Each structure stands twice: as structure tokens, then as C-alpha cells.
Amino acid sequence: MAKAKKAEEKEAPEADGAGEAAPKTGFLSKKLIVMAAAALLVLGGGGGAWFFFGKKHDEKPAPVVAKPPAFLDVPEVLVNLSGTGTSGRAQFLKAKIVLEVADQKLADEIKPVLPRVLDSFQTYLREMRSTDLEGSAGLYRVRDELTRRVNLAVAPSRINAVLFKEIVVQ
């Protein structure tokens, strides 16, 4: 029986010891979390301070200088319009057109294909009626279509815009 009492005494402290071990582990894990959070806060604060105050950029970026565009005059275009006017007579369109390109080098590349550009202008403008050219919206549509046709003719080069110097419907 004496052995049985000693065995019970040994088991009892183990049960108490196991109960104490659980709070120690909880305390250690809380302590570890607090230390990790503090370390993260210090590292984050140091990194933020270095980012905002550490390195001064004395060098200013070079200002971007935009090149002025180049303009390429297209020979005057004179075409008869499709259909007849209100008076029953044939109508004509006379246009002086300028192509806006990025630089003079591109203008020099486009000059050899200018006959192809003129052909596409003539083909398109001959199909126009005088009512298609009425108002600013009509001219805007014509300008967009001419720009598209020029870009197809001069591909892979590209123009910025088609500008009208003069446009007369008679």
C-alpha cells in the first residue's frame, strides 16, 4: 500500500504540472506575438522614414521637349461631286489640303507616295455629294476618312491629321 500512495503522489504533481505548463505556453506565445508586432512596427517605421526622408533626389528629370510637327502640302484637288446640285448643274469641290506629320523626316518619307495619296483623295471625294459636306460635322467626317485613307496609303508611316487650307463647293 505504501507503494500505491507514492504512485498517487507522483501522479498528482504531474497533473498539477501539466496545468501549470499550459499557462506558461500561452504566456510565451503572447509574448512572442507582442515581440513580433513590435519588431514589425520598428522595421515598418524605419523603412517609411528612409523612404520619405532618407534619399533626396536633387536631380530633376530632363524636361521633355516636344518636337514641332512638320506640314506637307498636298497639291490642290479639284473633283466633280456625285449627283447634281439644286440648280441641276454639276457641282465641283476644290480643296487645298495639308498633312500634319510628326517630323520632317517622316514628311520626306511620305513625298514619294504622294500620288497614291492623291488617288485615294480623288476616289473618295468623287463619291461625295454636296450635302455630305454641309456643316462642321460633315467636314469632320471627311477629315477623319481622309486621315484614314492617307494612313493606309503611307503605311507603315503614319500622319497625325489632315488639315484643310481651303475648301470650296461650287
N, C-alpha and C. Protein backbone atom coordinates (compact mmCIF):
# COMPACT_ATOMS: atom_id res chain seq x y z
N MET A 1 0.80 -1.19 0.00
CA MET A 1 0.00 0.00 0.00
C MET A 1 0.84 1.25 0.00
N ALA A 2 1.96 1.13 0.60
CA ALA A 2 2.84 2.28 0.64
C ALA A 2 3.27 2.64 -0.76
N LYS A 3 3.44 1.60 -1.57
CA LYS A 3 3.82 1.88 -2.94
C LYS A 3 2.68 2.56 -3.68
N ALA A 4 1.45 2.24 -3.37
CA ALA A 4 0.29 2.84 -4.04
C ALA A 4 0.19 4.31 -3.70
N LYS A 5 0.47 4.69 -2.44
CA LYS A 5 0.42 6.09 -2.05
C LYS A 5 1.50 6.89 -2.76
N LYS A 6 2.67 6.32 -2.84
CA LYS A 6 3.75 7.01 -3.52
C LYS A 6 3.41 7.21 -5.01
N ALA A 7 2.76 6.24 -5.59
CA ALA A 7 2.39 6.35 -7.00
C ALA A 7 1.35 7.45 -7.19
N GLU A 8 0.41 7.58 -6.24
CA GLU A 8 -0.61 8.63 -6.34
C GLU A 8 0.02 10.00 -6.18
N GLU A 9 0.98 10.09 -5.25
CA GLU A 9 1.65 11.38 -5.04
C GLU A 9 2.42 11.79 -6.29
N LYS A 10 3.02 10.81 -6.96
CA LYS A 10 3.75 11.13 -8.18
C LYS A 10 2.80 11.58 -9.28
N GLU A 11 1.63 10.97 -9.37
CA GLU A 11 0.67 11.33 -10.41
C GLU A 11 0.06 12.70 -10.15
N ALA A 12 -0.16 13.03 -8.92
CA ALA A 12 -0.79 14.30 -8.57
C ALA A 12 0.07 15.48 -8.99
N PRO A 13 1.38 15.49 -8.68
CA PRO A 13 2.17 16.62 -9.13
C PRO A 13 2.23 16.71 -10.65
N GLU A 14 2.19 15.59 -11.36
CA GLU A 14 2.21 15.65 -12.81
C GLU A 14 0.96 16.34 -13.33
N ALA A 15 -0.16 16.06 -12.72
CA ALA A 15 -1.41 16.69 -13.15
C ALA A 15 -1.33 18.18 -12.89
N ASP A 16 -0.80 18.56 -11.71
CA ASP A 16 -0.64 19.98 -11.40
C ASP A 16 0.38 20.62 -12.33
N GLY A 17 1.46 19.88 -12.61
CA GLY A 17 2.50 20.39 -13.50
C GLY A 17 1.95 20.60 -14.91
N ALA A 18 1.10 19.72 -15.34
CA ALA A 18 0.52 19.85 -16.68
C ALA A 18 -0.39 21.06 -16.71
N GLY A 19 -1.08 21.34 -15.63
CA GLY A 19 -1.95 22.51 -15.55
C GLY A 19 -1.14 23.78 -15.58
N GLU A 20 0.04 23.79 -14.99
CA GLU A 20 0.88 24.98 -14.99
C GLU A 20 1.58 25.16 -16.34
N ALA A 21 1.85 24.09 -17.03
CA ALA A 21 2.56 24.17 -18.30
C ALA A 21 1.70 24.87 -19.35
N ALA A 22 0.41 24.69 -19.34
CA ALA A 22 -0.47 25.32 -20.32
C ALA A 22 -0.45 26.84 -20.20
N PRO A 23 -0.55 27.41 -18.99
CA PRO A 23 -0.47 28.87 -18.91
C PRO A 23 0.90 29.38 -19.33
N LYS A 24 1.98 28.67 -19.07
CA LYS A 24 3.30 29.12 -19.48
C LYS A 24 3.39 29.21 -21.00
N THR A 25 2.87 28.22 -21.71
CA THR A 25 2.92 28.23 -23.16
C THR A 25 2.06 29.36 -23.69
N GLY A 26 0.92 29.62 -23.12
CA GLY A 26 0.07 30.73 -23.55
C GLY A 26 0.78 32.05 -23.32
N PHE A 27 1.46 32.18 -22.18
CA PHE A 27 2.19 33.40 -21.89
C PHE A 27 3.33 33.60 -22.88
N LEU A 28 4.03 32.50 -23.20
CA LEU A 28 5.14 32.59 -24.15
C LEU A 28 4.64 32.96 -25.55
N SER A 29 3.51 32.39 -25.97
CA SER A 29 3.01 32.71 -27.31
C SER A 29 2.54 34.16 -27.37
N LYS A 30 1.92 34.67 -26.31
CA LYS A 30 1.51 36.08 -26.29
C LYS A 30 2.74 36.98 -26.32
N LYS A 31 3.74 36.60 -25.55
CA LYS A 31 4.98 37.38 -25.51
C LYS A 31 5.65 37.38 -26.89
N LEU A 32 5.65 36.25 -27.56
CA LEU A 32 6.23 36.13 -28.89
C LEU A 32 5.46 37.00 -29.90
N ILE A 33 4.14 37.02 -29.84
CA ILE A 33 3.32 37.83 -30.75
C ILE A 33 3.58 39.31 -30.52
N VAL A 34 3.66 39.72 -29.26
CA VAL A 34 3.93 41.13 -28.95
C VAL A 34 5.31 41.53 -29.46
N MET A 35 6.30 40.67 -29.28
CA MET A 35 7.65 40.99 -29.75
C MET A 35 7.69 41.06 -31.28
N ALA A 36 7.00 40.15 -31.95
CA ALA A 36 6.97 40.17 -33.41
C ALA A 36 6.27 41.43 -33.92
N ALA A 37 5.18 41.83 -33.27
CA ALA A 37 4.46 43.05 -33.67
C ALA A 37 5.34 44.28 -33.46
N ALA A 38 6.05 44.32 -32.33
CA ALA A 38 6.94 45.46 -32.06
C ALA A 38 8.07 45.52 -33.09
N ALA A 39 8.64 44.37 -33.43
CA ALA A 39 9.71 44.34 -34.43
C ALA A 39 9.18 44.79 -35.79
N LEU A 40 7.99 44.34 -36.14
CA LEU A 40 7.38 44.74 -37.41
C LEU A 40 7.10 46.24 -37.43
N LEU A 41 6.65 46.77 -36.32
CA LEU A 41 6.38 48.21 -36.22
C LEU A 41 7.66 49.02 -36.36
N VAL A 42 8.72 48.58 -35.72
CA VAL A 42 10.01 49.28 -35.81
C VAL A 42 10.55 49.21 -37.23
N LEU A 43 10.51 48.04 -37.84
CA LEU A 43 11.01 47.90 -39.21
C LEU A 43 10.17 48.70 -40.19
N GLY A 44 8.86 48.67 -40.03
CA GLY A 44 7.99 49.45 -40.92
C GLY A 44 8.21 50.94 -40.76
N GLY A 45 8.36 51.40 -39.52
CA GLY A 45 8.63 52.82 -39.28
C GLY A 45 9.97 53.25 -39.84
N GLY A 46 10.98 52.42 -39.66
CA GLY A 46 12.30 52.73 -40.21
C GLY A 46 12.29 52.76 -41.73
N GLY A 47 11.63 51.81 -42.34
CA GLY A 47 11.52 51.78 -43.80
C GLY A 47 10.77 52.98 -44.33
N GLY A 48 9.69 53.36 -43.67
CA GLY A 48 8.92 54.54 -44.09
C GLY A 48 9.73 55.82 -43.95
N ALA A 49 10.47 55.93 -42.84
CA ALA A 49 11.31 57.12 -42.64
C ALA A 49 12.40 57.19 -43.70
N TRP A 50 13.01 56.08 -44.03
CA TRP A 50 14.04 56.07 -45.07
C TRP A 50 13.45 56.44 -46.42
N PHE A 51 12.26 55.92 -46.71
CA PHE A 51 11.62 56.20 -47.99
C PHE A 51 11.30 57.68 -48.15
N PHE A 52 10.76 58.30 -47.11
CA PHE A 52 10.34 59.70 -47.22
C PHE A 52 11.46 60.70 -46.96
N PHE A 53 12.38 60.37 -46.04
CA PHE A 53 13.39 61.35 -45.64
C PHE A 53 14.82 60.96 -45.97
N GLY A 54 15.05 59.71 -46.28
CA GLY A 54 16.41 59.22 -46.43
C GLY A 54 17.15 59.73 -47.65
N LYS A 55 16.59 59.60 -48.82
CA LYS A 55 17.33 59.91 -50.04
C LYS A 55 16.64 61.06 -50.76
N LYS A 56 17.35 62.14 -50.89
CA LYS A 56 16.81 63.31 -51.58
C LYS A 56 17.20 63.22 -53.04
N HIS A 57 16.25 63.46 -53.90
CA HIS A 57 16.51 63.47 -55.34
C HIS A 57 16.76 64.91 -55.77
N ASP A 58 18.04 65.27 -55.84
CA ASP A 58 18.39 66.62 -56.27
C ASP A 58 18.29 66.75 -57.79
N GLU A 59 18.42 65.64 -58.47
CA GLU A 59 18.36 65.68 -59.92
C GLU A 59 16.91 65.81 -60.36
N LYS A 60 16.66 66.80 -61.19
CA LYS A 60 15.32 66.94 -61.74
C LYS A 60 15.29 66.21 -63.08
N PRO A 61 14.18 65.58 -63.39
CA PRO A 61 14.13 64.89 -64.68
C PRO A 61 14.24 65.90 -65.82
N ALA A 62 14.86 65.46 -66.86
CA ALA A 62 15.06 66.34 -68.02
C ALA A 62 13.70 66.72 -68.59
N PRO A 63 13.50 67.99 -68.87
CA PRO A 63 12.21 68.39 -69.42
C PRO A 63 12.02 67.79 -70.81
N VAL A 64 10.82 67.33 -71.04
CA VAL A 64 10.51 66.72 -72.32
C VAL A 64 10.21 67.84 -73.32
N VAL A 65 11.03 67.90 -74.34
CA VAL A 65 10.86 68.93 -75.36
C VAL A 65 10.13 68.28 -76.53
N ALA A 66 8.93 68.75 -76.76
CA ALA A 66 8.15 68.21 -77.86
C ALA A 66 8.60 68.84 -79.17
N LYS A 67 8.85 67.98 -80.14
CA LYS A 67 9.26 68.49 -81.45
C LYS A 67 8.04 69.09 -82.13
N PRO A 68 8.22 70.21 -82.79
CA PRO A 68 7.08 70.76 -83.52
C PRO A 68 6.77 69.87 -84.72
N PRO A 69 5.50 69.74 -85.04
CA PRO A 69 5.16 68.89 -86.18
C PRO A 69 5.58 69.52 -87.50
N ALA A 70 5.71 68.71 -88.50
CA ALA A 70 6.02 69.18 -89.86
C ALA A 70 4.74 69.12 -90.68
N PHE A 71 4.65 69.97 -91.68
CA PHE A 71 3.47 70.02 -92.53
C PHE A 71 3.88 69.76 -93.97
N LEU A 72 3.08 68.96 -94.64
CA LEU A 72 3.35 68.59 -96.02
C LEU A 72 2.17 69.03 -96.88
N ASP A 73 2.42 69.95 -97.81
CA ASP A 73 1.37 70.43 -98.70
C ASP A 73 1.05 69.38 -99.75
N VAL A 74 -0.24 69.16 -99.94
CA VAL A 74 -0.72 68.27 -100.98
C VAL A 74 -1.18 69.15 -102.14
N PRO A 75 -0.89 68.78 -103.38
CA PRO A 75 -1.37 69.60 -104.50
C PRO A 75 -2.89 69.78 -104.44
N GLU A 76 -3.35 70.89 -104.98
CA GLU A 76 -4.78 71.22 -104.96
C GLU A 76 -5.60 70.11 -105.62
N VAL A 77 -6.73 69.80 -105.03
CA VAL A 77 -7.61 68.76 -105.53
C VAL A 77 -8.87 69.42 -106.07
N LEU A 78 -9.25 69.09 -107.32
CA LEU A 78 -10.47 69.61 -107.94
C LEU A 78 -11.22 68.42 -108.51
N VAL A 79 -12.41 68.14 -107.94
CA VAL A 79 -13.21 66.99 -108.39
C VAL A 79 -14.66 67.42 -108.57
N ASN A 80 -15.36 66.71 -109.46
CA ASN A 80 -16.80 66.93 -109.55
C ASN A 80 -17.48 66.00 -108.56
N LEU A 81 -18.51 66.54 -107.89
CA LEU A 81 -19.21 65.77 -106.86
C LEU A 81 -20.26 64.88 -107.49
N SER A 82 -20.64 63.85 -106.80
CA SER A 82 -21.65 62.92 -107.26
C SER A 82 -23.02 63.60 -107.23
N GLY A 83 -23.84 63.35 -108.24
CA GLY A 83 -25.18 63.95 -108.28
C GLY A 83 -25.10 65.37 -108.80
N THR A 84 -26.25 66.01 -108.82
CA THR A 84 -26.31 67.40 -109.28
C THR A 84 -26.84 68.26 -108.16
N GLY A 85 -26.55 69.54 -108.25
CA GLY A 85 -27.00 70.48 -107.24
C GLY A 85 -28.47 70.80 -107.40
N THR A 86 -28.95 71.77 -106.63
CA THR A 86 -30.35 72.16 -106.69
C THR A 86 -30.70 72.80 -108.03
N SER A 87 -29.72 73.37 -108.70
CA SER A 87 -29.96 74.01 -110.00
C SER A 87 -29.88 73.02 -111.15
N GLY A 88 -29.54 71.77 -110.90
CA GLY A 88 -29.44 70.77 -111.94
C GLY A 88 -28.08 70.73 -112.61
N ARG A 89 -27.17 71.56 -112.18
CA ARG A 89 -25.82 71.60 -112.76
C ARG A 89 -24.87 70.74 -111.94
N ALA A 90 -23.81 70.35 -112.56
CA ALA A 90 -22.77 69.58 -111.87
C ALA A 90 -22.09 70.47 -110.84
N GLN A 91 -21.72 69.88 -109.72
CA GLN A 91 -21.03 70.63 -108.67
C GLN A 91 -19.59 70.15 -108.56
N PHE A 92 -18.75 71.09 -108.15
CA PHE A 92 -17.32 70.80 -108.04
C PHE A 92 -16.84 71.10 -106.62
N LEU A 93 -15.81 70.37 -106.22
CA LEU A 93 -15.16 70.59 -104.93
C LEU A 93 -13.70 70.92 -105.20
N LYS A 94 -13.27 72.03 -104.65
CA LYS A 94 -11.86 72.42 -104.75
C LYS A 94 -11.32 72.45 -103.33
N ALA A 95 -10.23 71.75 -103.09
CA ALA A 95 -9.68 71.67 -101.74
C ALA A 95 -8.16 71.80 -101.77
N LYS A 96 -7.66 72.60 -100.84
CA LYS A 96 -6.22 72.67 -100.59
C LYS A 96 -6.00 72.00 -99.24
N ILE A 97 -5.20 70.96 -99.25
CA ILE A 97 -5.04 70.11 -98.08
C ILE A 97 -3.59 70.08 -97.65
N VAL A 98 -3.39 70.01 -96.33
CA VAL A 98 -2.06 69.91 -95.73
C VAL A 98 -2.07 68.69 -94.80
N LEU A 99 -1.01 67.91 -94.84
CA LEU A 99 -0.87 66.76 -93.95
C LEU A 99 0.04 67.14 -92.79
N GLU A 100 -0.39 66.86 -91.58
CA GLU A 100 0.43 67.10 -90.39
C GLU A 100 1.11 65.80 -90.01
N VAL A 101 2.45 65.85 -89.95
CA VAL A 101 3.24 64.66 -89.60
C VAL A 101 4.12 64.97 -88.39
N ALA A 102 4.67 63.94 -87.80
CA ALA A 102 5.44 64.10 -86.57
C ALA A 102 6.72 64.92 -86.76
N ASP A 103 7.45 64.69 -87.85
CA ASP A 103 8.69 65.43 -88.07
C ASP A 103 9.00 65.50 -89.57
N GLN A 104 10.03 66.25 -89.90
CA GLN A 104 10.39 66.46 -91.31
C GLN A 104 10.86 65.17 -91.96
N LYS A 105 11.49 64.30 -91.20
CA LYS A 105 11.96 63.02 -91.74
C LYS A 105 10.78 62.20 -92.25
N LEU A 106 9.70 62.20 -91.50
CA LEU A 106 8.50 61.47 -91.91
C LEU A 106 7.87 62.12 -93.14
N ALA A 107 7.90 63.45 -93.20
CA ALA A 107 7.37 64.15 -94.38
C ALA A 107 8.15 63.76 -95.62
N ASP A 108 9.47 63.62 -95.48
CA ASP A 108 10.30 63.21 -96.62
C ASP A 108 10.00 61.77 -97.04
N GLU A 109 9.62 60.92 -96.09
CA GLU A 109 9.26 59.54 -96.42
C GLU A 109 7.93 59.47 -97.16
N ILE A 110 7.03 60.41 -96.88
CA ILE A 110 5.69 60.39 -97.48
C ILE A 110 5.69 60.97 -98.89
N LYS A 111 6.59 61.90 -99.19
CA LYS A 111 6.60 62.56 -100.51
C LYS A 111 6.60 61.59 -101.69
N PRO A 112 7.38 60.52 -101.68
CA PRO A 112 7.36 59.61 -102.84
C PRO A 112 6.01 58.92 -103.08
N VAL A 113 5.20 58.75 -102.04
CA VAL A 113 3.91 58.07 -102.20
C VAL A 113 2.75 59.06 -102.31
N LEU A 114 3.05 60.33 -102.52
CA LEU A 114 2.01 61.35 -102.63
C LEU A 114 1.04 61.09 -103.79
N PRO A 115 1.47 60.56 -104.93
CA PRO A 115 0.49 60.23 -105.98
C PRO A 115 -0.55 59.20 -105.52
N ARG A 116 -0.13 58.25 -104.71
CA ARG A 116 -1.08 57.27 -104.17
C ARG A 116 -2.07 57.95 -103.23
N VAL A 117 -1.59 58.90 -102.44
CA VAL A 117 -2.45 59.66 -101.53
C VAL A 117 -3.47 60.47 -102.33
N LEU A 118 -3.01 61.15 -103.38
CA LEU A 118 -3.91 61.94 -104.22
C LEU A 118 -4.96 61.06 -104.89
N ASP A 119 -4.58 59.89 -105.33
CA ASP A 119 -5.53 58.97 -105.94
C ASP A 119 -6.62 58.58 -104.95
N SER A 120 -6.23 58.28 -103.72
CA SER A 120 -7.24 57.90 -102.72
C SER A 120 -8.15 59.08 -102.39
N PHE A 121 -7.61 60.31 -102.38
CA PHE A 121 -8.43 61.51 -102.17
C PHE A 121 -9.45 61.65 -103.30
N GLN A 122 -8.97 61.56 -104.53
CA GLN A 122 -9.84 61.75 -105.70
C GLN A 122 -10.96 60.70 -105.70
N THR A 123 -10.60 59.46 -105.46
CA THR A 123 -11.58 58.38 -105.47
C THR A 123 -12.66 58.61 -104.42
N TYR A 124 -12.26 59.00 -103.24
CA TYR A 124 -13.22 59.22 -102.16
C TYR A 124 -14.07 60.46 -102.41
N LEU A 125 -13.43 61.56 -102.77
CA LEU A 125 -14.16 62.83 -102.91
C LEU A 125 -15.13 62.81 -104.09
N ARG A 126 -14.86 62.04 -105.13
CA ARG A 126 -15.78 61.95 -106.27
C ARG A 126 -17.11 61.32 -105.87
N GLU A 127 -17.11 60.50 -104.85
CA GLU A 127 -18.34 59.85 -104.39
C GLU A 127 -19.15 60.72 -103.44
N MET A 128 -18.61 61.85 -103.05
CA MET A 128 -19.30 62.75 -102.11
C MET A 128 -20.41 63.50 -102.82
N ARG A 129 -21.43 63.87 -102.05
CA ARG A 129 -22.47 64.78 -102.51
C ARG A 129 -22.28 66.09 -101.77
N SER A 130 -22.84 67.15 -102.29
CA SER A 130 -22.67 68.45 -101.63
C SER A 130 -23.31 68.43 -100.24
N THR A 131 -24.34 67.62 -100.04
CA THR A 131 -24.97 67.55 -98.72
C THR A 131 -24.06 66.86 -97.71
N ASP A 132 -23.14 66.02 -98.17
CA ASP A 132 -22.19 65.36 -97.27
C ASP A 132 -21.19 66.34 -96.67
N LEU A 133 -21.03 67.48 -97.33
CA LEU A 133 -20.03 68.46 -96.90
C LEU A 133 -20.64 69.61 -96.10
N GLU A 134 -21.93 69.54 -95.82
CA GLU A 134 -22.58 70.64 -95.11
C GLU A 134 -22.24 70.62 -93.62
N GLY A 135 -21.95 71.79 -93.10
CA GLY A 135 -21.70 71.94 -91.66
C GLY A 135 -20.35 71.41 -91.22
N SER A 136 -20.06 71.70 -89.97
CA SER A 136 -18.77 71.27 -89.42
C SER A 136 -18.72 69.76 -89.22
N ALA A 137 -19.86 69.14 -88.93
CA ALA A 137 -19.89 67.69 -88.75
C ALA A 137 -19.53 66.98 -90.05
N GLY A 138 -20.01 67.51 -91.18
CA GLY A 138 -19.69 66.92 -92.48
C GLY A 138 -18.21 67.01 -92.77
N LEU A 139 -17.62 68.17 -92.52
CA LEU A 139 -16.17 68.33 -92.75
C LEU A 139 -15.36 67.45 -91.80
N TYR A 140 -15.84 67.29 -90.58
CA TYR A 140 -15.14 66.44 -89.61
C TYR A 140 -15.11 64.99 -90.11
N ARG A 141 -16.25 64.50 -90.63
CA ARG A 141 -16.29 63.13 -91.16
C ARG A 141 -15.35 62.98 -92.36
N VAL A 142 -15.33 63.98 -93.24
CA VAL A 142 -14.45 63.94 -94.41
C VAL A 142 -12.99 63.93 -93.95
N ARG A 143 -12.66 64.77 -92.98
CA ARG A 143 -11.28 64.84 -92.47
C ARG A 143 -10.86 63.49 -91.88
N ASP A 144 -11.74 62.87 -91.09
CA ASP A 144 -11.42 61.57 -90.50
C ASP A 144 -11.20 60.50 -91.57
N GLU A 145 -12.06 60.50 -92.58
CA GLU A 145 -11.93 59.49 -93.63
C GLU A 145 -10.66 59.72 -94.45
N LEU A 146 -10.33 60.97 -94.73
CA LEU A 146 -9.10 61.25 -95.48
C LEU A 146 -7.87 60.86 -94.67
N THR A 147 -7.91 61.11 -93.37
CA THR A 147 -6.79 60.71 -92.49
C THR A 147 -6.61 59.19 -92.53
N ARG A 148 -7.71 58.48 -92.46
CA ARG A 148 -7.65 57.01 -92.50
C ARG A 148 -7.07 56.54 -93.83
N ARG A 149 -7.51 57.15 -94.92
CA ARG A 149 -7.04 56.74 -96.25
C ARG A 149 -5.56 57.06 -96.45
N VAL A 150 -5.11 58.20 -95.95
CA VAL A 150 -3.69 58.55 -96.06
C VAL A 150 -2.85 57.56 -95.27
N ASN A 151 -3.28 57.23 -94.05
CA ASN A 151 -2.52 56.28 -93.23
C ASN A 151 -2.44 54.91 -93.89
N LEU A 152 -3.49 54.51 -94.61
CA LEU A 152 -3.42 53.25 -95.35
C LEU A 152 -2.44 53.35 -96.51
N ALA A 153 -2.41 54.50 -97.17
CA ALA A 153 -1.54 54.67 -98.34
C ALA A 153 -0.07 54.77 -97.96
N VAL A 154 0.24 55.34 -96.80
CA VAL A 154 1.64 55.57 -96.42
C VAL A 154 2.15 54.57 -95.39
N ALA A 155 1.36 53.53 -95.10
CA ALA A 155 1.75 52.56 -94.08
C ALA A 155 3.13 51.99 -94.40
N PRO A 156 3.98 51.77 -93.46
CA PRO A 156 3.84 51.79 -92.01
C PRO A 156 4.01 53.18 -91.39
N SER A 157 4.32 54.18 -92.20
CA SER A 157 4.37 55.54 -91.66
C SER A 157 2.97 55.95 -91.25
N ARG A 158 2.88 57.06 -90.53
CA ARG A 158 1.58 57.49 -90.01
C ARG A 158 1.55 59.01 -89.94
N ILE A 159 0.40 59.61 -90.32
CA ILE A 159 0.24 61.05 -90.20
C ILE A 159 -0.61 61.36 -88.98
N ASN A 160 -0.50 62.59 -88.48
CA ASN A 160 -1.29 63.00 -87.32
C ASN A 160 -2.67 63.49 -87.72
N ALA A 161 -2.74 64.29 -88.80
CA ALA A 161 -4.02 64.89 -89.17
C ALA A 161 -4.01 65.35 -90.61
N VAL A 162 -5.21 65.49 -91.14
CA VAL A 162 -5.43 66.14 -92.44
C VAL A 162 -6.03 67.49 -92.12
N LEU A 163 -5.42 68.54 -92.65
CA LEU A 163 -5.90 69.91 -92.39
C LEU A 163 -6.35 70.53 -93.70
N PHE A 164 -7.45 71.27 -93.65
CA PHE A 164 -7.95 71.97 -94.83
C PHE A 164 -7.45 73.40 -94.81
N LYS A 165 -6.72 73.80 -95.84
CA LYS A 165 -6.34 75.20 -96.00
C LYS A 165 -7.49 75.96 -96.65
N GLU A 166 -8.12 75.29 -97.61
CA GLU A 166 -9.23 75.91 -98.32
C GLU A 166 -10.13 74.80 -98.84
N ILE A 167 -11.44 75.01 -98.75
CA ILE A 167 -12.38 74.05 -99.31
C ILE A 167 -13.56 74.83 -99.87
N VAL A 168 -13.84 74.62 -101.16
CA VAL A 168 -14.89 75.36 -101.85
C VAL A 168 -15.76 74.37 -102.61
N VAL A 169 -17.08 74.49 -102.41
CA VAL A 169 -18.04 73.71 -103.19
C VAL A 169 -18.73 74.68 -104.11
N GLN A 170 -18.72 74.39 -105.44
CA GLN A 170 -19.30 75.31 -106.41
C GLN A 170 -20.28 74.56 -107.28
